[in-house]
PDB file of N, CA and C in Angstrom:
ATOM      1  N   MET A   1       0.829  -1.017   0.040  1.00  0.00           N
ATOM      2  CA  MET A   1       0.257   0.174  -0.053  1.00  0.00           C
ATOM      3  C   MET A   1       1.021   1.314  -0.356  1.00  0.00           C
ATOM      4  N   ALA A   2       1.980   1.145   0.583  1.00  0.00           N
ATOM      5  CA  ALA A   2       2.579   2.406   0.756  1.00  0.00           C
ATOM      6  C   ALA A   2       3.323   2.815  -0.630  1.00  0.00           C
ATOM      7  N   ALA A   3       4.130   1.730  -0.910  1.00  0.00           N
ATOM      8  CA  ALA A   3       4.563   1.529  -2.403  1.00  0.00           C
ATOM      9  C   ALA A   3       3.814   2.235  -3.183  1.00  0.00           C
ATOM     10  N   ALA A   4       2.507   2.245  -3.507  1.00  0.00           N
ATOM     11  CA  ALA A   4       1.138   2.576  -4.517  1.00  0.00           C
ATOM     12  C   ALA A   4       1.165   3.585  -4.167  1.00  0.00           C
ATOM     13  N   PHE A   5       0.989   4.345  -3.105  1.00  0.00           N
ATOM     14  CA  PHE A   5       1.181   6.154  -2.151  1.00  0.00           C
ATOM     15  C   PHE A   5       1.981   6.397  -3.018  1.00  0.00           C
ATOM     16  N   ASN A   6       3.325   5.758  -2.757  1.00  0.00           N
ATOM     17  CA  ASN A   6       4.750   6.655  -3.361  1.00  0.00           C
ATOM     18  C   ASN A   6       4.883   6.816  -4.565  1.00  0.00           C
ATOM     19  N   ARG A   7       4.231   6.190  -5.240  1.00  0.00           N
ATOM     20  CA  ARG A   7       4.534   6.117  -6.861  1.00  0.00           C
ATOM     21  C   ARG A   7       3.272   7.589  -7.429  1.00  0.00           C
ATOM     22  N   LEU A   8       1.976   7.228  -6.948  1.00  0.00           N
ATOM     23  CA  LEU A   8       0.917   8.400  -7.003  1.00  0.00           C
ATOM     24  C   LEU A   8       1.817   9.893  -6.817  1.00  0.00           C
ATOM     25  N   TRP A   9       2.928   9.884  -6.299  1.00  0.00           N
ATOM     26  CA  TRP A   9       3.499  11.601  -6.583  1.00  0.00           C
ATOM     27  C   TRP A   9       4.288  11.518  -7.637  1.00  0.00           C
ATOM     28  N   PHE A  10       4.658  10.831  -8.458  1.00  0.00           N
ATOM     29  CA  PHE A  10       5.547  10.446  -9.594  1.00  0.00           C
ATOM     30  C   PHE A  10       4.344  11.306 -10.642  1.00  0.00           C
ATOM     31  N   LEU A  11       3.030  11.372 -10.107  1.00  0.00           N
ATOM     32  CA  LEU A  11       2.060  11.961 -11.392  1.00  0.00           C
ATOM     33  C   LEU A  11       2.194  13.165 -11.284  1.00  0.00           C
ATOM     34  N   VAL A  12       2.458  13.807 -10.100  1.00  0.00           N
ATOM     35  CA  VAL A  12       2.103  15.174  -9.324  1.00  0.00           C
ATOM     36  C   VAL A  12       3.699  16.274  -9.738  1.00  0.00           C
ATOM     37  N   LEU A  13       4.773  15.027 -10.246  1.00  0.00           N
ATOM     38  CA  LEU A  13       5.688  15.986 -10.131  1.00  0.00           C
ATOM     39  C   LEU A  13       6.142  16.404 -11.571  1.00  0.00           C
ATOM     40  N   PRO A  14       5.185  16.286 -12.462  1.00  0.00           N
ATOM     41  CA  PRO A  14       5.540  17.447 -14.023  1.00  0.00           C
ATOM     42  C   PRO A  14       4.618  18.749 -13.788  1.00  0.00           C
ATOM     43  N   ALA A  15       3.158  18.202 -12.878  1.00  0.00           N
ATOM     44  CA  ALA A  15       2.845  19.705 -12.822  1.00  0.00           C
ATOM     45  C   ALA A  15       3.525  20.393 -11.901  1.00  0.00           C
ATOM     46  N   PHE A  16       3.970  20.417 -11.035  1.00  0.00           N
ATOM     47  CA  PHE A  16       5.043  20.806  -9.869  1.00  0.00           C
ATOM     48  C   PHE A  16       6.551  21.313 -10.199  1.00  0.00           C
ATOM     49  N   ALA A  17       7.032  20.652 -11.380  1.00  0.00           N
ATOM     50  CA  ALA A  17       8.163  21.332 -11.938  1.00  0.00           C
ATOM     51  C   ALA A  17       8.082  22.423 -12.977  1.00  0.00           C
ATOM     52  N   ILE A  18       6.475  22.288 -13.965  1.00  0.00           N
ATOM     53  CA  ILE A  18       5.981  23.260 -14.800  1.00  0.00           C
ATOM     54  C   ILE A  18       5.587  24.559 -13.584  1.00  0.00           C
ATOM     55  N   PHE A  19       4.792  24.690 -12.470  1.00  0.00           N
ATOM     56  CA  PHE A  19       4.789  25.229 -11.732  1.00  0.00           C
ATOM     57  C   PHE A  19       5.913  26.185 -11.149  1.00  0.00           C
ATOM     58  N   LEU A  20       7.174  25.516 -10.298  1.00  0.00           N
ATOM     59  CA  LEU A  20       7.867  25.866 -10.244  1.00  0.00           C
ATOM     60  C   LEU A  20       8.471  26.584 -11.218  1.00  0.00           C
ATOM     61  N   LEU A  21       8.925  26.353 -11.900  1.00  0.00           N
ATOM     62  CA  LEU A  21       9.793  26.526 -13.345  1.00  0.00           C
ATOM     63  C   LEU A  21       9.190  27.961 -14.182  1.00  0.00           C
ATOM     64  N   PHE A  22       8.042  27.819 -14.183  1.00  0.00           N
ATOM     65  CA  PHE A  22       7.515  28.863 -14.965  1.00  0.00           C
ATOM     66  C   PHE A  22       6.384  30.112 -14.365  1.00  0.00           C
ATOM     67  N   PHE A  23       6.263  29.599 -12.978  1.00  0.00           N
ATOM     68  CA  PHE A  23       6.104  30.699 -12.166  1.00  0.00           C
ATOM     69  C   PHE A  23       6.730  31.085 -10.829  1.00  0.00           C
ATOM     70  N   LEU A  24       6.637  29.766  -9.825  1.00  0.00           N
ATOM     71  CA  LEU A  24       7.983  30.513  -8.436  1.00  0.00           C
ATOM     72  C   LEU A  24       9.053  31.044  -8.981  1.00  0.00           C
ATOM     73  N   LEU A  25       9.886  30.545  -9.757  1.00  0.00           N
ATOM     74  CA  LEU A  25      11.175  30.419 -10.115  1.00  0.00           C
ATOM     75  C   LEU A  25      10.910  32.275 -10.793  1.00  0.00           C
ATOM     76  N   PRO A  26      10.098  32.629 -11.297  1.00  0.00           N
ATOM     77  CA  PRO A  26      10.110  34.047 -12.258  1.00  0.00           C
ATOM     78  C   PRO A  26       9.232  35.485 -11.065  1.00  0.00           C
ATOM     79  N   VAL A  27       8.371  34.829 -10.084  1.00  0.00           N
ATOM     80  CA  VAL A  27       7.914  35.292  -8.895  1.00  0.00           C
ATOM     81  C   VAL A  27       9.119  35.884  -7.911  1.00  0.00           C
ATOM     82  N   LEU A  28      10.042  35.036  -7.772  1.00  0.00           N
ATOM     83  CA  LEU A  28      10.663  35.374  -6.843  1.00  0.00           C
ATOM     84  C   LEU A  28      12.209  35.831  -7.345  1.00  0.00           C
ATOM     85  N   ALA A  29      12.185  35.862  -8.399  1.00  0.00           N
ATOM     86  CA  ALA A  29      13.493  36.855  -9.269  1.00  0.00           C
ATOM     87  C   ALA A  29      12.468  37.952  -9.435  1.00  0.00           C
ATOM     88  N   LEU A  30      11.923  38.299  -9.388  1.00  0.00           N
ATOM     89  CA  LEU A  30      10.802  39.417  -9.482  1.00  0.00           C
ATOM     90  C   LEU A  30      11.022  40.437  -8.152  1.00  0.00           C
ATOM     91  N   LEU A  31      10.811  39.309  -7.577  1.00  0.00           N
ATOM     92  CA  LEU A  31      10.789  40.166  -6.102  1.00  0.00           C
ATOM     93  C   LEU A  31      12.808  40.186  -5.326  1.00  0.00           C
ATOM     94  N   ALA A  32      13.509  39.798  -5.991  1.00  0.00           N
ATOM     95  CA  ALA A  32      14.838  39.884  -5.730  1.00  0.00           C
ATOM     96  C   ALA A  32      15.342  41.355  -6.194  1.00  0.00           C
ATOM     97  N   ILE A  33      14.467  41.640  -8.053  1.00  0.00           N
ATOM     98  CA  ILE A  33      14.599  42.617  -8.427  1.00  0.00           C
ATOM     99  C   ILE A  33      14.243  43.745  -8.049  1.00  0.00           C
ATOM    100  N   ALA A  34      12.877  43.453  -6.901  1.00  0.00           N
ATOM    101  CA  ALA A  34      12.019  44.654  -6.638  1.00  0.00           C
ATOM    102  C   ALA A  34      12.738  45.188  -5.746  1.00  0.00           C
ATOM    103  N   PHE A  35      13.528  44.677  -4.939  1.00  0.00           N
ATOM    104  CA  PHE A  35      13.992  44.781  -3.893  1.00  0.00           C
ATOM    105  C   PHE A  35      15.744  45.269  -4.041  1.00  0.00           C
ATOM    106  N   ASN A  36      16.259  45.100  -5.283  1.00  0.00           N
ATOM    107  CA  ASN A  36      17.694  45.012  -5.910  1.00  0.00           C
ATOM    108  C   ASN A  36      17.617  46.610  -5.377  1.00  0.00           C
ATOM    109  N   PRO A  37      18.568  47.286  -5.014  1.00  0.00           N
ATOM    110  CA  PRO A  37      19.166  48.863  -4.872  1.00  0.00           C
ATOM    111  C   PRO A  37      18.964  49.089  -6.851  1.00  0.00           C
ATOM    112  N   ALA A  38      18.976  50.262  -6.927  1.00  0.00           N
ATOM    113  CA  ALA A  38      18.176  51.035  -8.256  1.00  0.00           C
ATOM    114  C   ALA A  38      20.333  51.685  -8.565  1.00  0.00           C
ATOM    115  N   LYS A  39      21.057  51.189  -9.315  1.00  0.00           N
ATOM    116  CA  LYS A  39      21.950  51.620  -9.690  1.00  0.00           C
ATOM    117  C   LYS A  39      21.860  51.203 -11.688  1.00  0.00           C
ATOM    118  N   SER A  40      22.408  52.975 -12.482  1.00  0.00           N
ATOM    119  CA  SER A  40      22.491  53.088 -13.397  1.00  0.00           C
ATOM    120  C   SER A  40      23.490  52.160 -14.484  1.00  0.00           C
ATOM    121  N   GLY A  41      22.753  51.286 -14.805  1.00  0.00           N
ATOM    122  CA  GLY A  41      24.185  50.016 -15.498  1.00  0.00           C
ATOM    123  C   GLY A  41      24.330  49.718 -15.037  1.00  0.00           C
ATOM    124  N   VAL A  42      23.930  48.649 -13.802  1.00  0.00           N
ATOM    125  CA  VAL A  42      24.242  47.680 -13.349  1.00  0.00           C
ATOM    126  C   VAL A  42      23.184  46.688 -13.347  1.00  0.00           C
ATOM    127  N   VAL A  43      23.071  45.608 -14.131  1.00  0.00           N
ATOM    128  CA  VAL A  43      22.199  44.278 -13.982  1.00  0.00           C
ATOM    129  C   VAL A  43      22.247  43.706 -13.086  1.00  0.00           C
ATOM    130  N   LEU A  44      23.260  43.247 -12.902  1.00  0.00           N
ATOM    131  CA  LEU A  44      23.445  42.362 -11.685  1.00  0.00           C
ATOM    132  C   LEU A  44      22.833  42.468 -10.402  1.00  0.00           C
ATOM    133  N   PHE A  45      22.530  41.020 -10.056  1.00  0.00           N
ATOM    134  CA  PHE A  45      21.894  41.157  -8.993  1.00  0.00           C
ATOM    135  C   PHE A  45      23.170  41.339  -7.469  1.00  0.00           C
ATOM    136  N   GLN A  46      22.484  42.771  -7.041  1.00  0.00           N
ATOM    137  CA  GLN A  46      23.234  43.301  -5.858  1.00  0.00           C
ATOM    138  C   GLN A  46      23.010  42.376  -4.276  1.00  0.00           C
ATOM    139  N   PRO A  47      23.562  42.095  -3.698  1.00  0.00           N
ATOM    140  CA  PRO A  47      23.332  41.457  -2.249  1.00  0.00           C
ATOM    141  C   PRO A  47      22.761  42.367  -1.300  1.00  0.00           C
ATOM    142  N   THR A  48      22.999  43.552  -1.727  1.00  0.00           N
ATOM    143  CA  THR A  48      22.158  44.354  -0.294  1.00  0.00           C
ATOM    144  C   THR A  48      20.531  45.109  -1.067  1.00  0.00           C
ATOM    145  N   LEU A  49      19.608  44.611  -0.026  1.00  0.00           N
ATOM    146  CA  LEU A  49      18.561  44.869  -0.454  1.00  0.00           C
ATOM    147  C   LEU A  49      18.500  46.112   0.159  1.00  0.00           C
ATOM    148  N   THR A  50      16.995  47.060  -0.817  1.00  0.00           N
ATOM    149  CA  THR A  50      16.634  47.794   0.243  1.00  0.00           C
ATOM    150  C   THR A  50      15.217  48.173  -0.179  1.00  0.00           C
ATOM    151  N   LEU A  51      14.841  49.151   0.452  1.00  0.00           N
ATOM    152  CA  LEU A  51      13.276  49.863   0.302  1.00  0.00           C
ATOM    153  C   LEU A  51      13.218  50.668  -0.553  1.00  0.00           C
ATOM    154  N   ALA A  52      14.220  51.469  -0.889  1.00  0.00           N
ATOM    155  CA  ALA A  52      14.715  53.169  -1.801  1.00  0.00           C
ATOM    156  C   ALA A  52      12.997  53.029  -3.191  1.00  0.00           C
ATOM    157  N   ASN A  53      14.072  51.696  -3.604  1.00  0.00           N
ATOM    158  CA  ASN A  53      12.850  51.553  -4.414  1.00  0.00           C
ATOM    159  C   ASN A  53      11.285  52.283  -4.511  1.00  0.00           C
ATOM    160  N   PHE A  54      10.630  51.465  -3.388  1.00  0.00           N
ATOM    161  CA  PHE A  54       9.139  51.835  -3.121  1.00  0.00           C
ATOM    162  C   PHE A  54       8.805  53.326  -2.695  1.00  0.00           C
ATOM    163  N   ALA A  55      10.296  53.397  -2.045  1.00  0.00           N
ATOM    164  CA  ALA A  55      10.244  54.488  -1.393  1.00  0.00           C
ATOM    165  C   ALA A  55       9.746  55.968  -2.366  1.00  0.00           C
ATOM    166  N   ARG A  56      10.771  55.943  -3.490  1.00  0.00           N
ATOM    167  CA  ARG A  56      10.461  56.526  -4.241  1.00  0.00           C
ATOM    168  C   ARG A  56       9.869  56.400  -5.081  1.00  0.00           C
ATOM    169  N   TRP A  57       8.933  55.691  -5.338  1.00  0.00           N
ATOM    170  CA  TRP A  57       7.556  55.397  -5.721  1.00  0.00           C
ATOM    171  C   TRP A  57       6.485  55.992  -4.892  1.00  0.00           C
ATOM    172  N   VAL A  58       6.640  56.226  -3.706  1.00  0.00           N
ATOM    173  CA  VAL A  58       5.792  56.039  -2.598  1.00  0.00           C
ATOM    174  C   VAL A  58       5.702  58.229  -2.965  1.00  0.00           C
ATOM    175  N   SER A  59       7.073  58.335  -2.710  1.00  0.00           N
ATOM    176  CA  SER A  59       7.127  60.048  -2.924  1.00  0.00           C
ATOM    177  C   SER A  59       7.264  60.695  -3.733  1.00  0.00           C
ATOM    178  N   THR A  60       7.119  59.812  -4.963  1.00  0.00           N
ATOM    179  CA  THR A  60       6.964  60.752  -6.503  1.00  0.00           C
ATOM    180  C   THR A  60       5.501  61.006  -6.843  1.00  0.00           C
ATOM    181  N   SER A  61       4.798  62.346  -6.607  1.00  0.00           N
ATOM    182  CA  SER A  61       3.655  62.985  -7.114  1.00  0.00           C
ATOM    183  C   SER A  61       3.005  62.147  -8.548  1.00  0.00           C
ATOM    184  N   LEU A  62       4.236  61.902  -9.324  1.00  0.00           N
ATOM    185  CA  LEU A  62       4.035  61.253 -11.110  1.00  0.00           C
ATOM    186  C   LEU A  62       3.404  60.312 -11.114  1.00  0.00           C
ATOM    187  N   TYR A  63       3.890  59.590 -10.270  1.00  0.00           N
ATOM    188  CA  TYR A  63       3.506  58.141  -9.745  1.00  0.00           C
ATOM    189  C   TYR A  63       2.684  57.714  -9.587  1.00  0.00           C
ATOM    190  N   GLN A  64       2.695  58.334  -8.565  1.00  0.00           N
ATOM    191  CA  GLN A  64       1.043  58.552  -7.818  1.00  0.00           C
ATOM    192  C   GLN A  64       0.253  58.548  -8.449  1.00  0.00           C
ATOM    193  N   GLN A  65      -0.586  60.022  -9.649  1.00  0.00           N
ATOM    194  CA  GLN A  65      -1.710  60.256 -10.694  1.00  0.00           C
ATOM    195  C   GLN A  65      -1.031  58.736 -11.131  1.00  0.00           C
ATOM    196  N   ILE A  66      -0.312  58.696 -11.297  1.00  0.00           N
ATOM    197  CA  ILE A  66      -0.276  57.535 -12.778  1.00  0.00           C
ATOM    198  C   ILE A  66      -1.524  56.365 -12.283  1.00  0.00           C
ATOM    199  N   SER A  67      -0.381  55.624 -10.861  1.00  0.00           N
ATOM    200  CA  SER A  67      -1.400  54.736 -10.578  1.00  0.00           C
ATOM    201  C   SER A  67      -2.781  54.716 -10.484  1.00  0.00           C
ATOM    202  N   GLU A  68      -2.879  55.783  -9.847  1.00  0.00           N
ATOM    203  CA  GLU A  68      -4.841  56.451  -9.124  1.00  0.00           C
ATOM    204  C   GLU A  68      -5.611  56.128 -10.256  1.00  0.00           C
ATOM    205  N   GLN A  69      -5.377  57.126 -11.032  1.00  0.00           N
ATOM    206  CA  GLN A  69      -5.970  57.082 -12.784  1.00  0.00           C
ATOM    207  C   GLN A  69      -6.020  56.041 -13.638  1.00  0.00           C
ATOM    208  N   GLY A  70      -4.385  55.368 -13.676  1.00  0.00           N
ATOM    209  CA  GLY A  70      -4.779  53.775 -14.763  1.00  0.00           C
ATOM    210  C   GLY A  70      -5.624  52.349 -13.860  1.00  0.00           C
ATOM    211  N   ASN A  71      -5.791  52.786 -12.193  1.00  0.00           N
ATOM    212  CA  ASN A  71      -6.643  51.760 -11.356  1.00  0.00           C
ATOM    213  C   ASN A  71      -7.532  51.790 -11.478  1.00  0.00           C
ATOM    214  N   TRP A  72      -8.027  53.167 -11.740  1.00  0.00           N
ATOM    215  CA  TRP A  72      -9.447  53.250 -12.322  1.00  0.00           C
ATOM    216  C   TRP A  72     -10.032  53.313 -13.194  1.00  0.00           C
ATOM    217  N   GLN A  73      -9.200  53.601 -14.605  1.00  0.00           N
ATOM    218  CA  GLN A  73      -9.338  53.186 -15.669  1.00  0.00           C
ATOM    219  C   GLN A  73      -8.911  51.451 -16.364  1.00  0.00           C
ATOM    220  N   PHE A  74      -8.669  50.683 -15.363  1.00  0.00           N
ATOM    221  CA  PHE A  74      -8.609  49.476 -15.657  1.00  0.00           C
ATOM    222  C   PHE A  74      -9.907  48.709 -14.800  1.00  0.00           C
ATOM    223  N   GLY A  75      -9.572  49.035 -13.583  1.00  0.00           N
ATOM    224  CA  GLY A  75     -11.051  48.374 -13.307  1.00  0.00           C
ATOM    225  C   GLY A  75     -11.997  48.890 -12.946  1.00  0.00           C
ATOM    226  N   ALA A  76     -12.379  49.895 -14.003  1.00  0.00           N
ATOM    227  CA  ALA A  76     -13.732  50.153 -14.977  1.00  0.00           C
ATOM    228  C   ALA A  76     -14.196  49.399 -15.934  1.00  0.00           C
ATOM    229  N   THR A  77     -13.081  49.137 -17.188  1.00  0.00           N
ATOM    230  CA  THR A  77     -12.600  48.867 -18.074  1.00  0.00           C
ATOM    231  C   THR A  77     -13.140  47.163 -17.982  1.00  0.00           C
ATOM    232  N   ILE A  78     -12.299  46.544 -17.311  1.00  0.00           N
ATOM    233  CA  ILE A  78     -12.605  45.016 -16.969  1.00  0.00           C
ATOM    234  C   ILE A  78     -14.090  44.855 -16.246  1.00  0.00           C
ATOM    235  N   ALA A  79     -14.620  45.933 -16.002  1.00  0.00           N
ATOM    236  CA  ALA A  79     -16.080  46.024 -14.612  1.00  0.00           C
ATOM    237  C   ALA A  79     -17.090  45.562 -16.100  1.00  0.00           C
ATOM    238  N   VAL A  80     -16.955  46.485 -17.641  1.00  0.00           N
ATOM    239  CA  VAL A  80     -17.789  47.234 -18.186  1.00  0.00           C
ATOM    240  C   VAL A  80     -17.675  45.879 -18.887  1.00  0.00           C
ATOM    241  N   ILE A  81     -16.174  45.012 -19.399  1.00  0.00           N
ATOM    242  CA  ILE A  81     -15.969  43.529 -20.230  1.00  0.00           C
ATOM    243  C   ILE A  81     -16.747  43.031 -19.663  1.00  0.00           C
ATOM    244  N   LEU A  82     -16.817  42.586 -18.464  1.00  0.00           N
ATOM    245  CA  LEU A  82     -17.567  41.334 -17.132  1.00  0.00           C
ATOM    246  C   LEU A  82     -18.446  41.160 -17.310  1.00  0.00           C
ATOM    247  N   PHE A  83     -19.159  42.338 -17.512  1.00  0.00           N
ATOM    248  CA  PHE A  83     -20.635  43.281 -17.333  1.00  0.00           C
ATOM    249  C   PHE A  83     -21.523  42.085 -18.566  1.00  0.00           C
ATOM    250  N   ALA A  84     -20.953  42.646 -19.451  1.00  0.00           N
ATOM    251  CA  ALA A  84     -20.979  42.141 -20.850  1.00  0.00           C
ATOM    252  C   ALA A  84     -21.117  40.642 -21.380  1.00  0.00           C
ATOM    253  N   ILE A  85     -20.055  39.966 -20.528  1.00  0.00           N
ATOM    254  CA  ILE A  85     -20.075  38.737 -20.780  1.00  0.00           C
ATOM    255  C   ILE A  85     -21.053  38.007 -20.114  1.00  0.00           C
ATOM    256  N   SER A  86     -20.979  38.673 -19.047  1.00  0.00           N
ATOM    257  CA  SER A  86     -22.272  38.059 -18.491  1.00  0.00           C
ATOM    258  C   SER A  86     -23.549  37.852 -18.319  1.00  0.00           C
ATOM    259  N   LEU A  87     -23.887  39.274 -19.176  1.00  0.00           N
ATOM    260  CA  LEU A  87     -24.877  39.303 -19.754  1.00  0.00           C
ATOM    261  C   LEU A  87     -25.518  38.787 -21.338  1.00  0.00           C
ATOM    262  N   SER A  88     -24.326  38.878 -21.506  1.00  0.00           N
ATOM    263  CA  SER A  88     -24.905  37.761 -23.112  1.00  0.00           C
ATOM    264  C   SER A  88     -24.517  36.166 -22.676  1.00  0.00           C
ATOM    265  N   ALA A  89     -23.818  35.438 -21.341  1.00  0.00           N
ATOM    266  CA  ALA A  89     -23.749  34.053 -21.292  1.00  0.00           C
ATOM    267  C   ALA A  89     -25.710  34.275 -20.624  1.00  0.00           C
ATOM    268  N   VAL A  90     -25.845  35.050 -19.465  1.00  0.00           N
ATOM    269  CA  VAL A  90     -27.349  34.777 -18.716  1.00  0.00           C
ATOM    270  C   VAL A  90     -27.924  34.576 -19.614  1.00  0.00           C
ATOM    271  N   TYR A  91     -28.129  35.371 -21.217  1.00  0.00           N
ATOM    272  CA  TYR A  91     -28.998  35.713 -22.656  1.00  0.00           C
ATOM    273  C   TYR A  91     -28.691  34.139 -22.670  1.00  0.00           C
ATOM    274  N   VAL A  92     -27.908  33.718 -23.399  1.00  0.00           N
ATOM    275  CA  VAL A  92     -27.752  32.194 -24.208  1.00  0.00           C
ATOM    276  C   VAL A  92     -28.428  31.206 -23.226  1.00  0.00           C
ATOM    277  N   TYR A  93     -27.996  31.328 -21.788  1.00  0.00           N
ATOM    278  CA  TYR A  93     -28.724  29.943 -21.314  1.00  0.00           C
ATOM    279  C   TYR A  93     -29.802  30.212 -21.192  1.00  0.00           C
ATOM    280  N   HIS A  94     -30.448  31.564 -21.021  1.00  0.00           N
ATOM    281  CA  HIS A  94     -31.661  31.467 -20.877  1.00  0.00           C
ATOM    282  C   HIS A  94     -32.283  30.678 -22.145  1.00  0.00           C
ATOM    283  N   ARG A  95     -32.247  31.510 -22.727  1.00  0.00           N
ATOM    284  CA  ARG A  95     -32.940  30.850 -24.320  1.00  0.00           C
ATOM    285  C   ARG A  95     -32.401  28.888 -24.646  1.00  0.00           C
ATOM    286  N   TYR A  96     -31.087  28.679 -24.132  1.00  0.00           N
ATOM    287  CA  TYR A  96     -31.751  27.108 -24.329  1.00  0.00           C
ATOM    288  C   TYR A  96     -32.315  26.452 -23.344  1.00  0.00           C
ATOM    289  N   THR A  97     -32.147  26.993 -21.822  1.00  0.00           N
ATOM    290  CA  THR A  97     -33.195  26.299 -21.420  1.00  0.00           C
ATOM    291  C   THR A  97     -34.444  26.286 -21.856  1.00  0.00           C
ATOM    292  N   GLU A  98     -34.805  27.726 -22.021  1.00  0.00           N
ATOM    293  CA  GLU A  98     -36.245  28.251 -22.480  1.00  0.00           C
ATOM    294  C   GLU A  98     -36.949  27.020 -23.464  1.00  0.00           C
ATOM    295  N   MET A  99     -35.810  26.459 -24.135  1.00  0.00           N
ATOM    296  CA  MET A  99     -36.714  25.951 -25.778  1.00  0.00           C
ATOM    297  C   MET A  99     -36.087  24.337 -25.514  1.00  0.00           C
ATOM    298  N   ARG A 100     -35.272  23.662 -24.163  1.00  0.00           N
ATOM    299  CA  ARG A 100     -34.560  22.645 -24.051  1.00  0.00           C
ATOM    300  C   ARG A 100     -36.141  22.078 -22.751  1.00  0.00           C
ATOM    301  N   ILE A 101     -36.433  23.450 -22.100  1.00  0.00           N
ATOM    302  CA  ILE A 101     -37.323  22.839 -20.564  1.00  0.00           C
ATOM    303  C   ILE A 101     -38.997  23.681 -20.529  1.00  0.00           C
ATOM    304  N   GLY A 102     -39.233  23.662 -21.745  1.00  0.00           N
ATOM    305  CA  GLY A 102     -40.885  24.395 -22.147  1.00  0.00           C
ATOM    306  C   GLY A 102     -40.654  25.931 -21.390  1.00  0.00           C
ATOM    307  N   GLY A 103     -39.421  26.215 -21.038  1.00  0.00           N
ATOM    308  CA  GLY A 103     -39.810  28.035 -20.487  1.00  0.00           C
ATOM    309  C   GLY A 103     -39.870  27.862 -19.202  1.00  0.00           C
ATOM    310  N   LEU A 104     -39.233  26.666 -18.260  1.00  0.00           N
ATOM    311  CA  LEU A 104     -39.541  26.935 -17.081  1.00  0.00           C
ATOM    312  C   LEU A 104     -38.325  27.200 -16.408  1.00  0.00           C
ATOM    313  N   LEU A 105     -38.061  27.887 -16.019  1.00  0.00           N
ATOM    314  CA  LEU A 105     -36.837  28.588 -15.768  1.00  0.00           C
ATOM    315  C   LEU A 105     -36.865  29.298 -14.541  1.00  0.00           C
TER     316      LEU A 105
END
């Protein structure tokens, strides 16, 4: 019984490897880059981590205006698109069930 349970993990390994390679490693790399000190012309990872990048982003009014306006426009656009998709899906579902069960929805 224990041998069969251990063999089942081999089915999970490919999915875990894909998750690790294409999601976890890039997210960790982005986190490392985000806390890396901003130095002009330096692309290598520096061992000293800092919050200066985030402090600069919060303290600059241009970044604040862009993020506030961009988030509002993005949220409104997504809301309108999802409303249109859900409205059309409900319409199609209603029409399909009406034809199938004689209008008892």
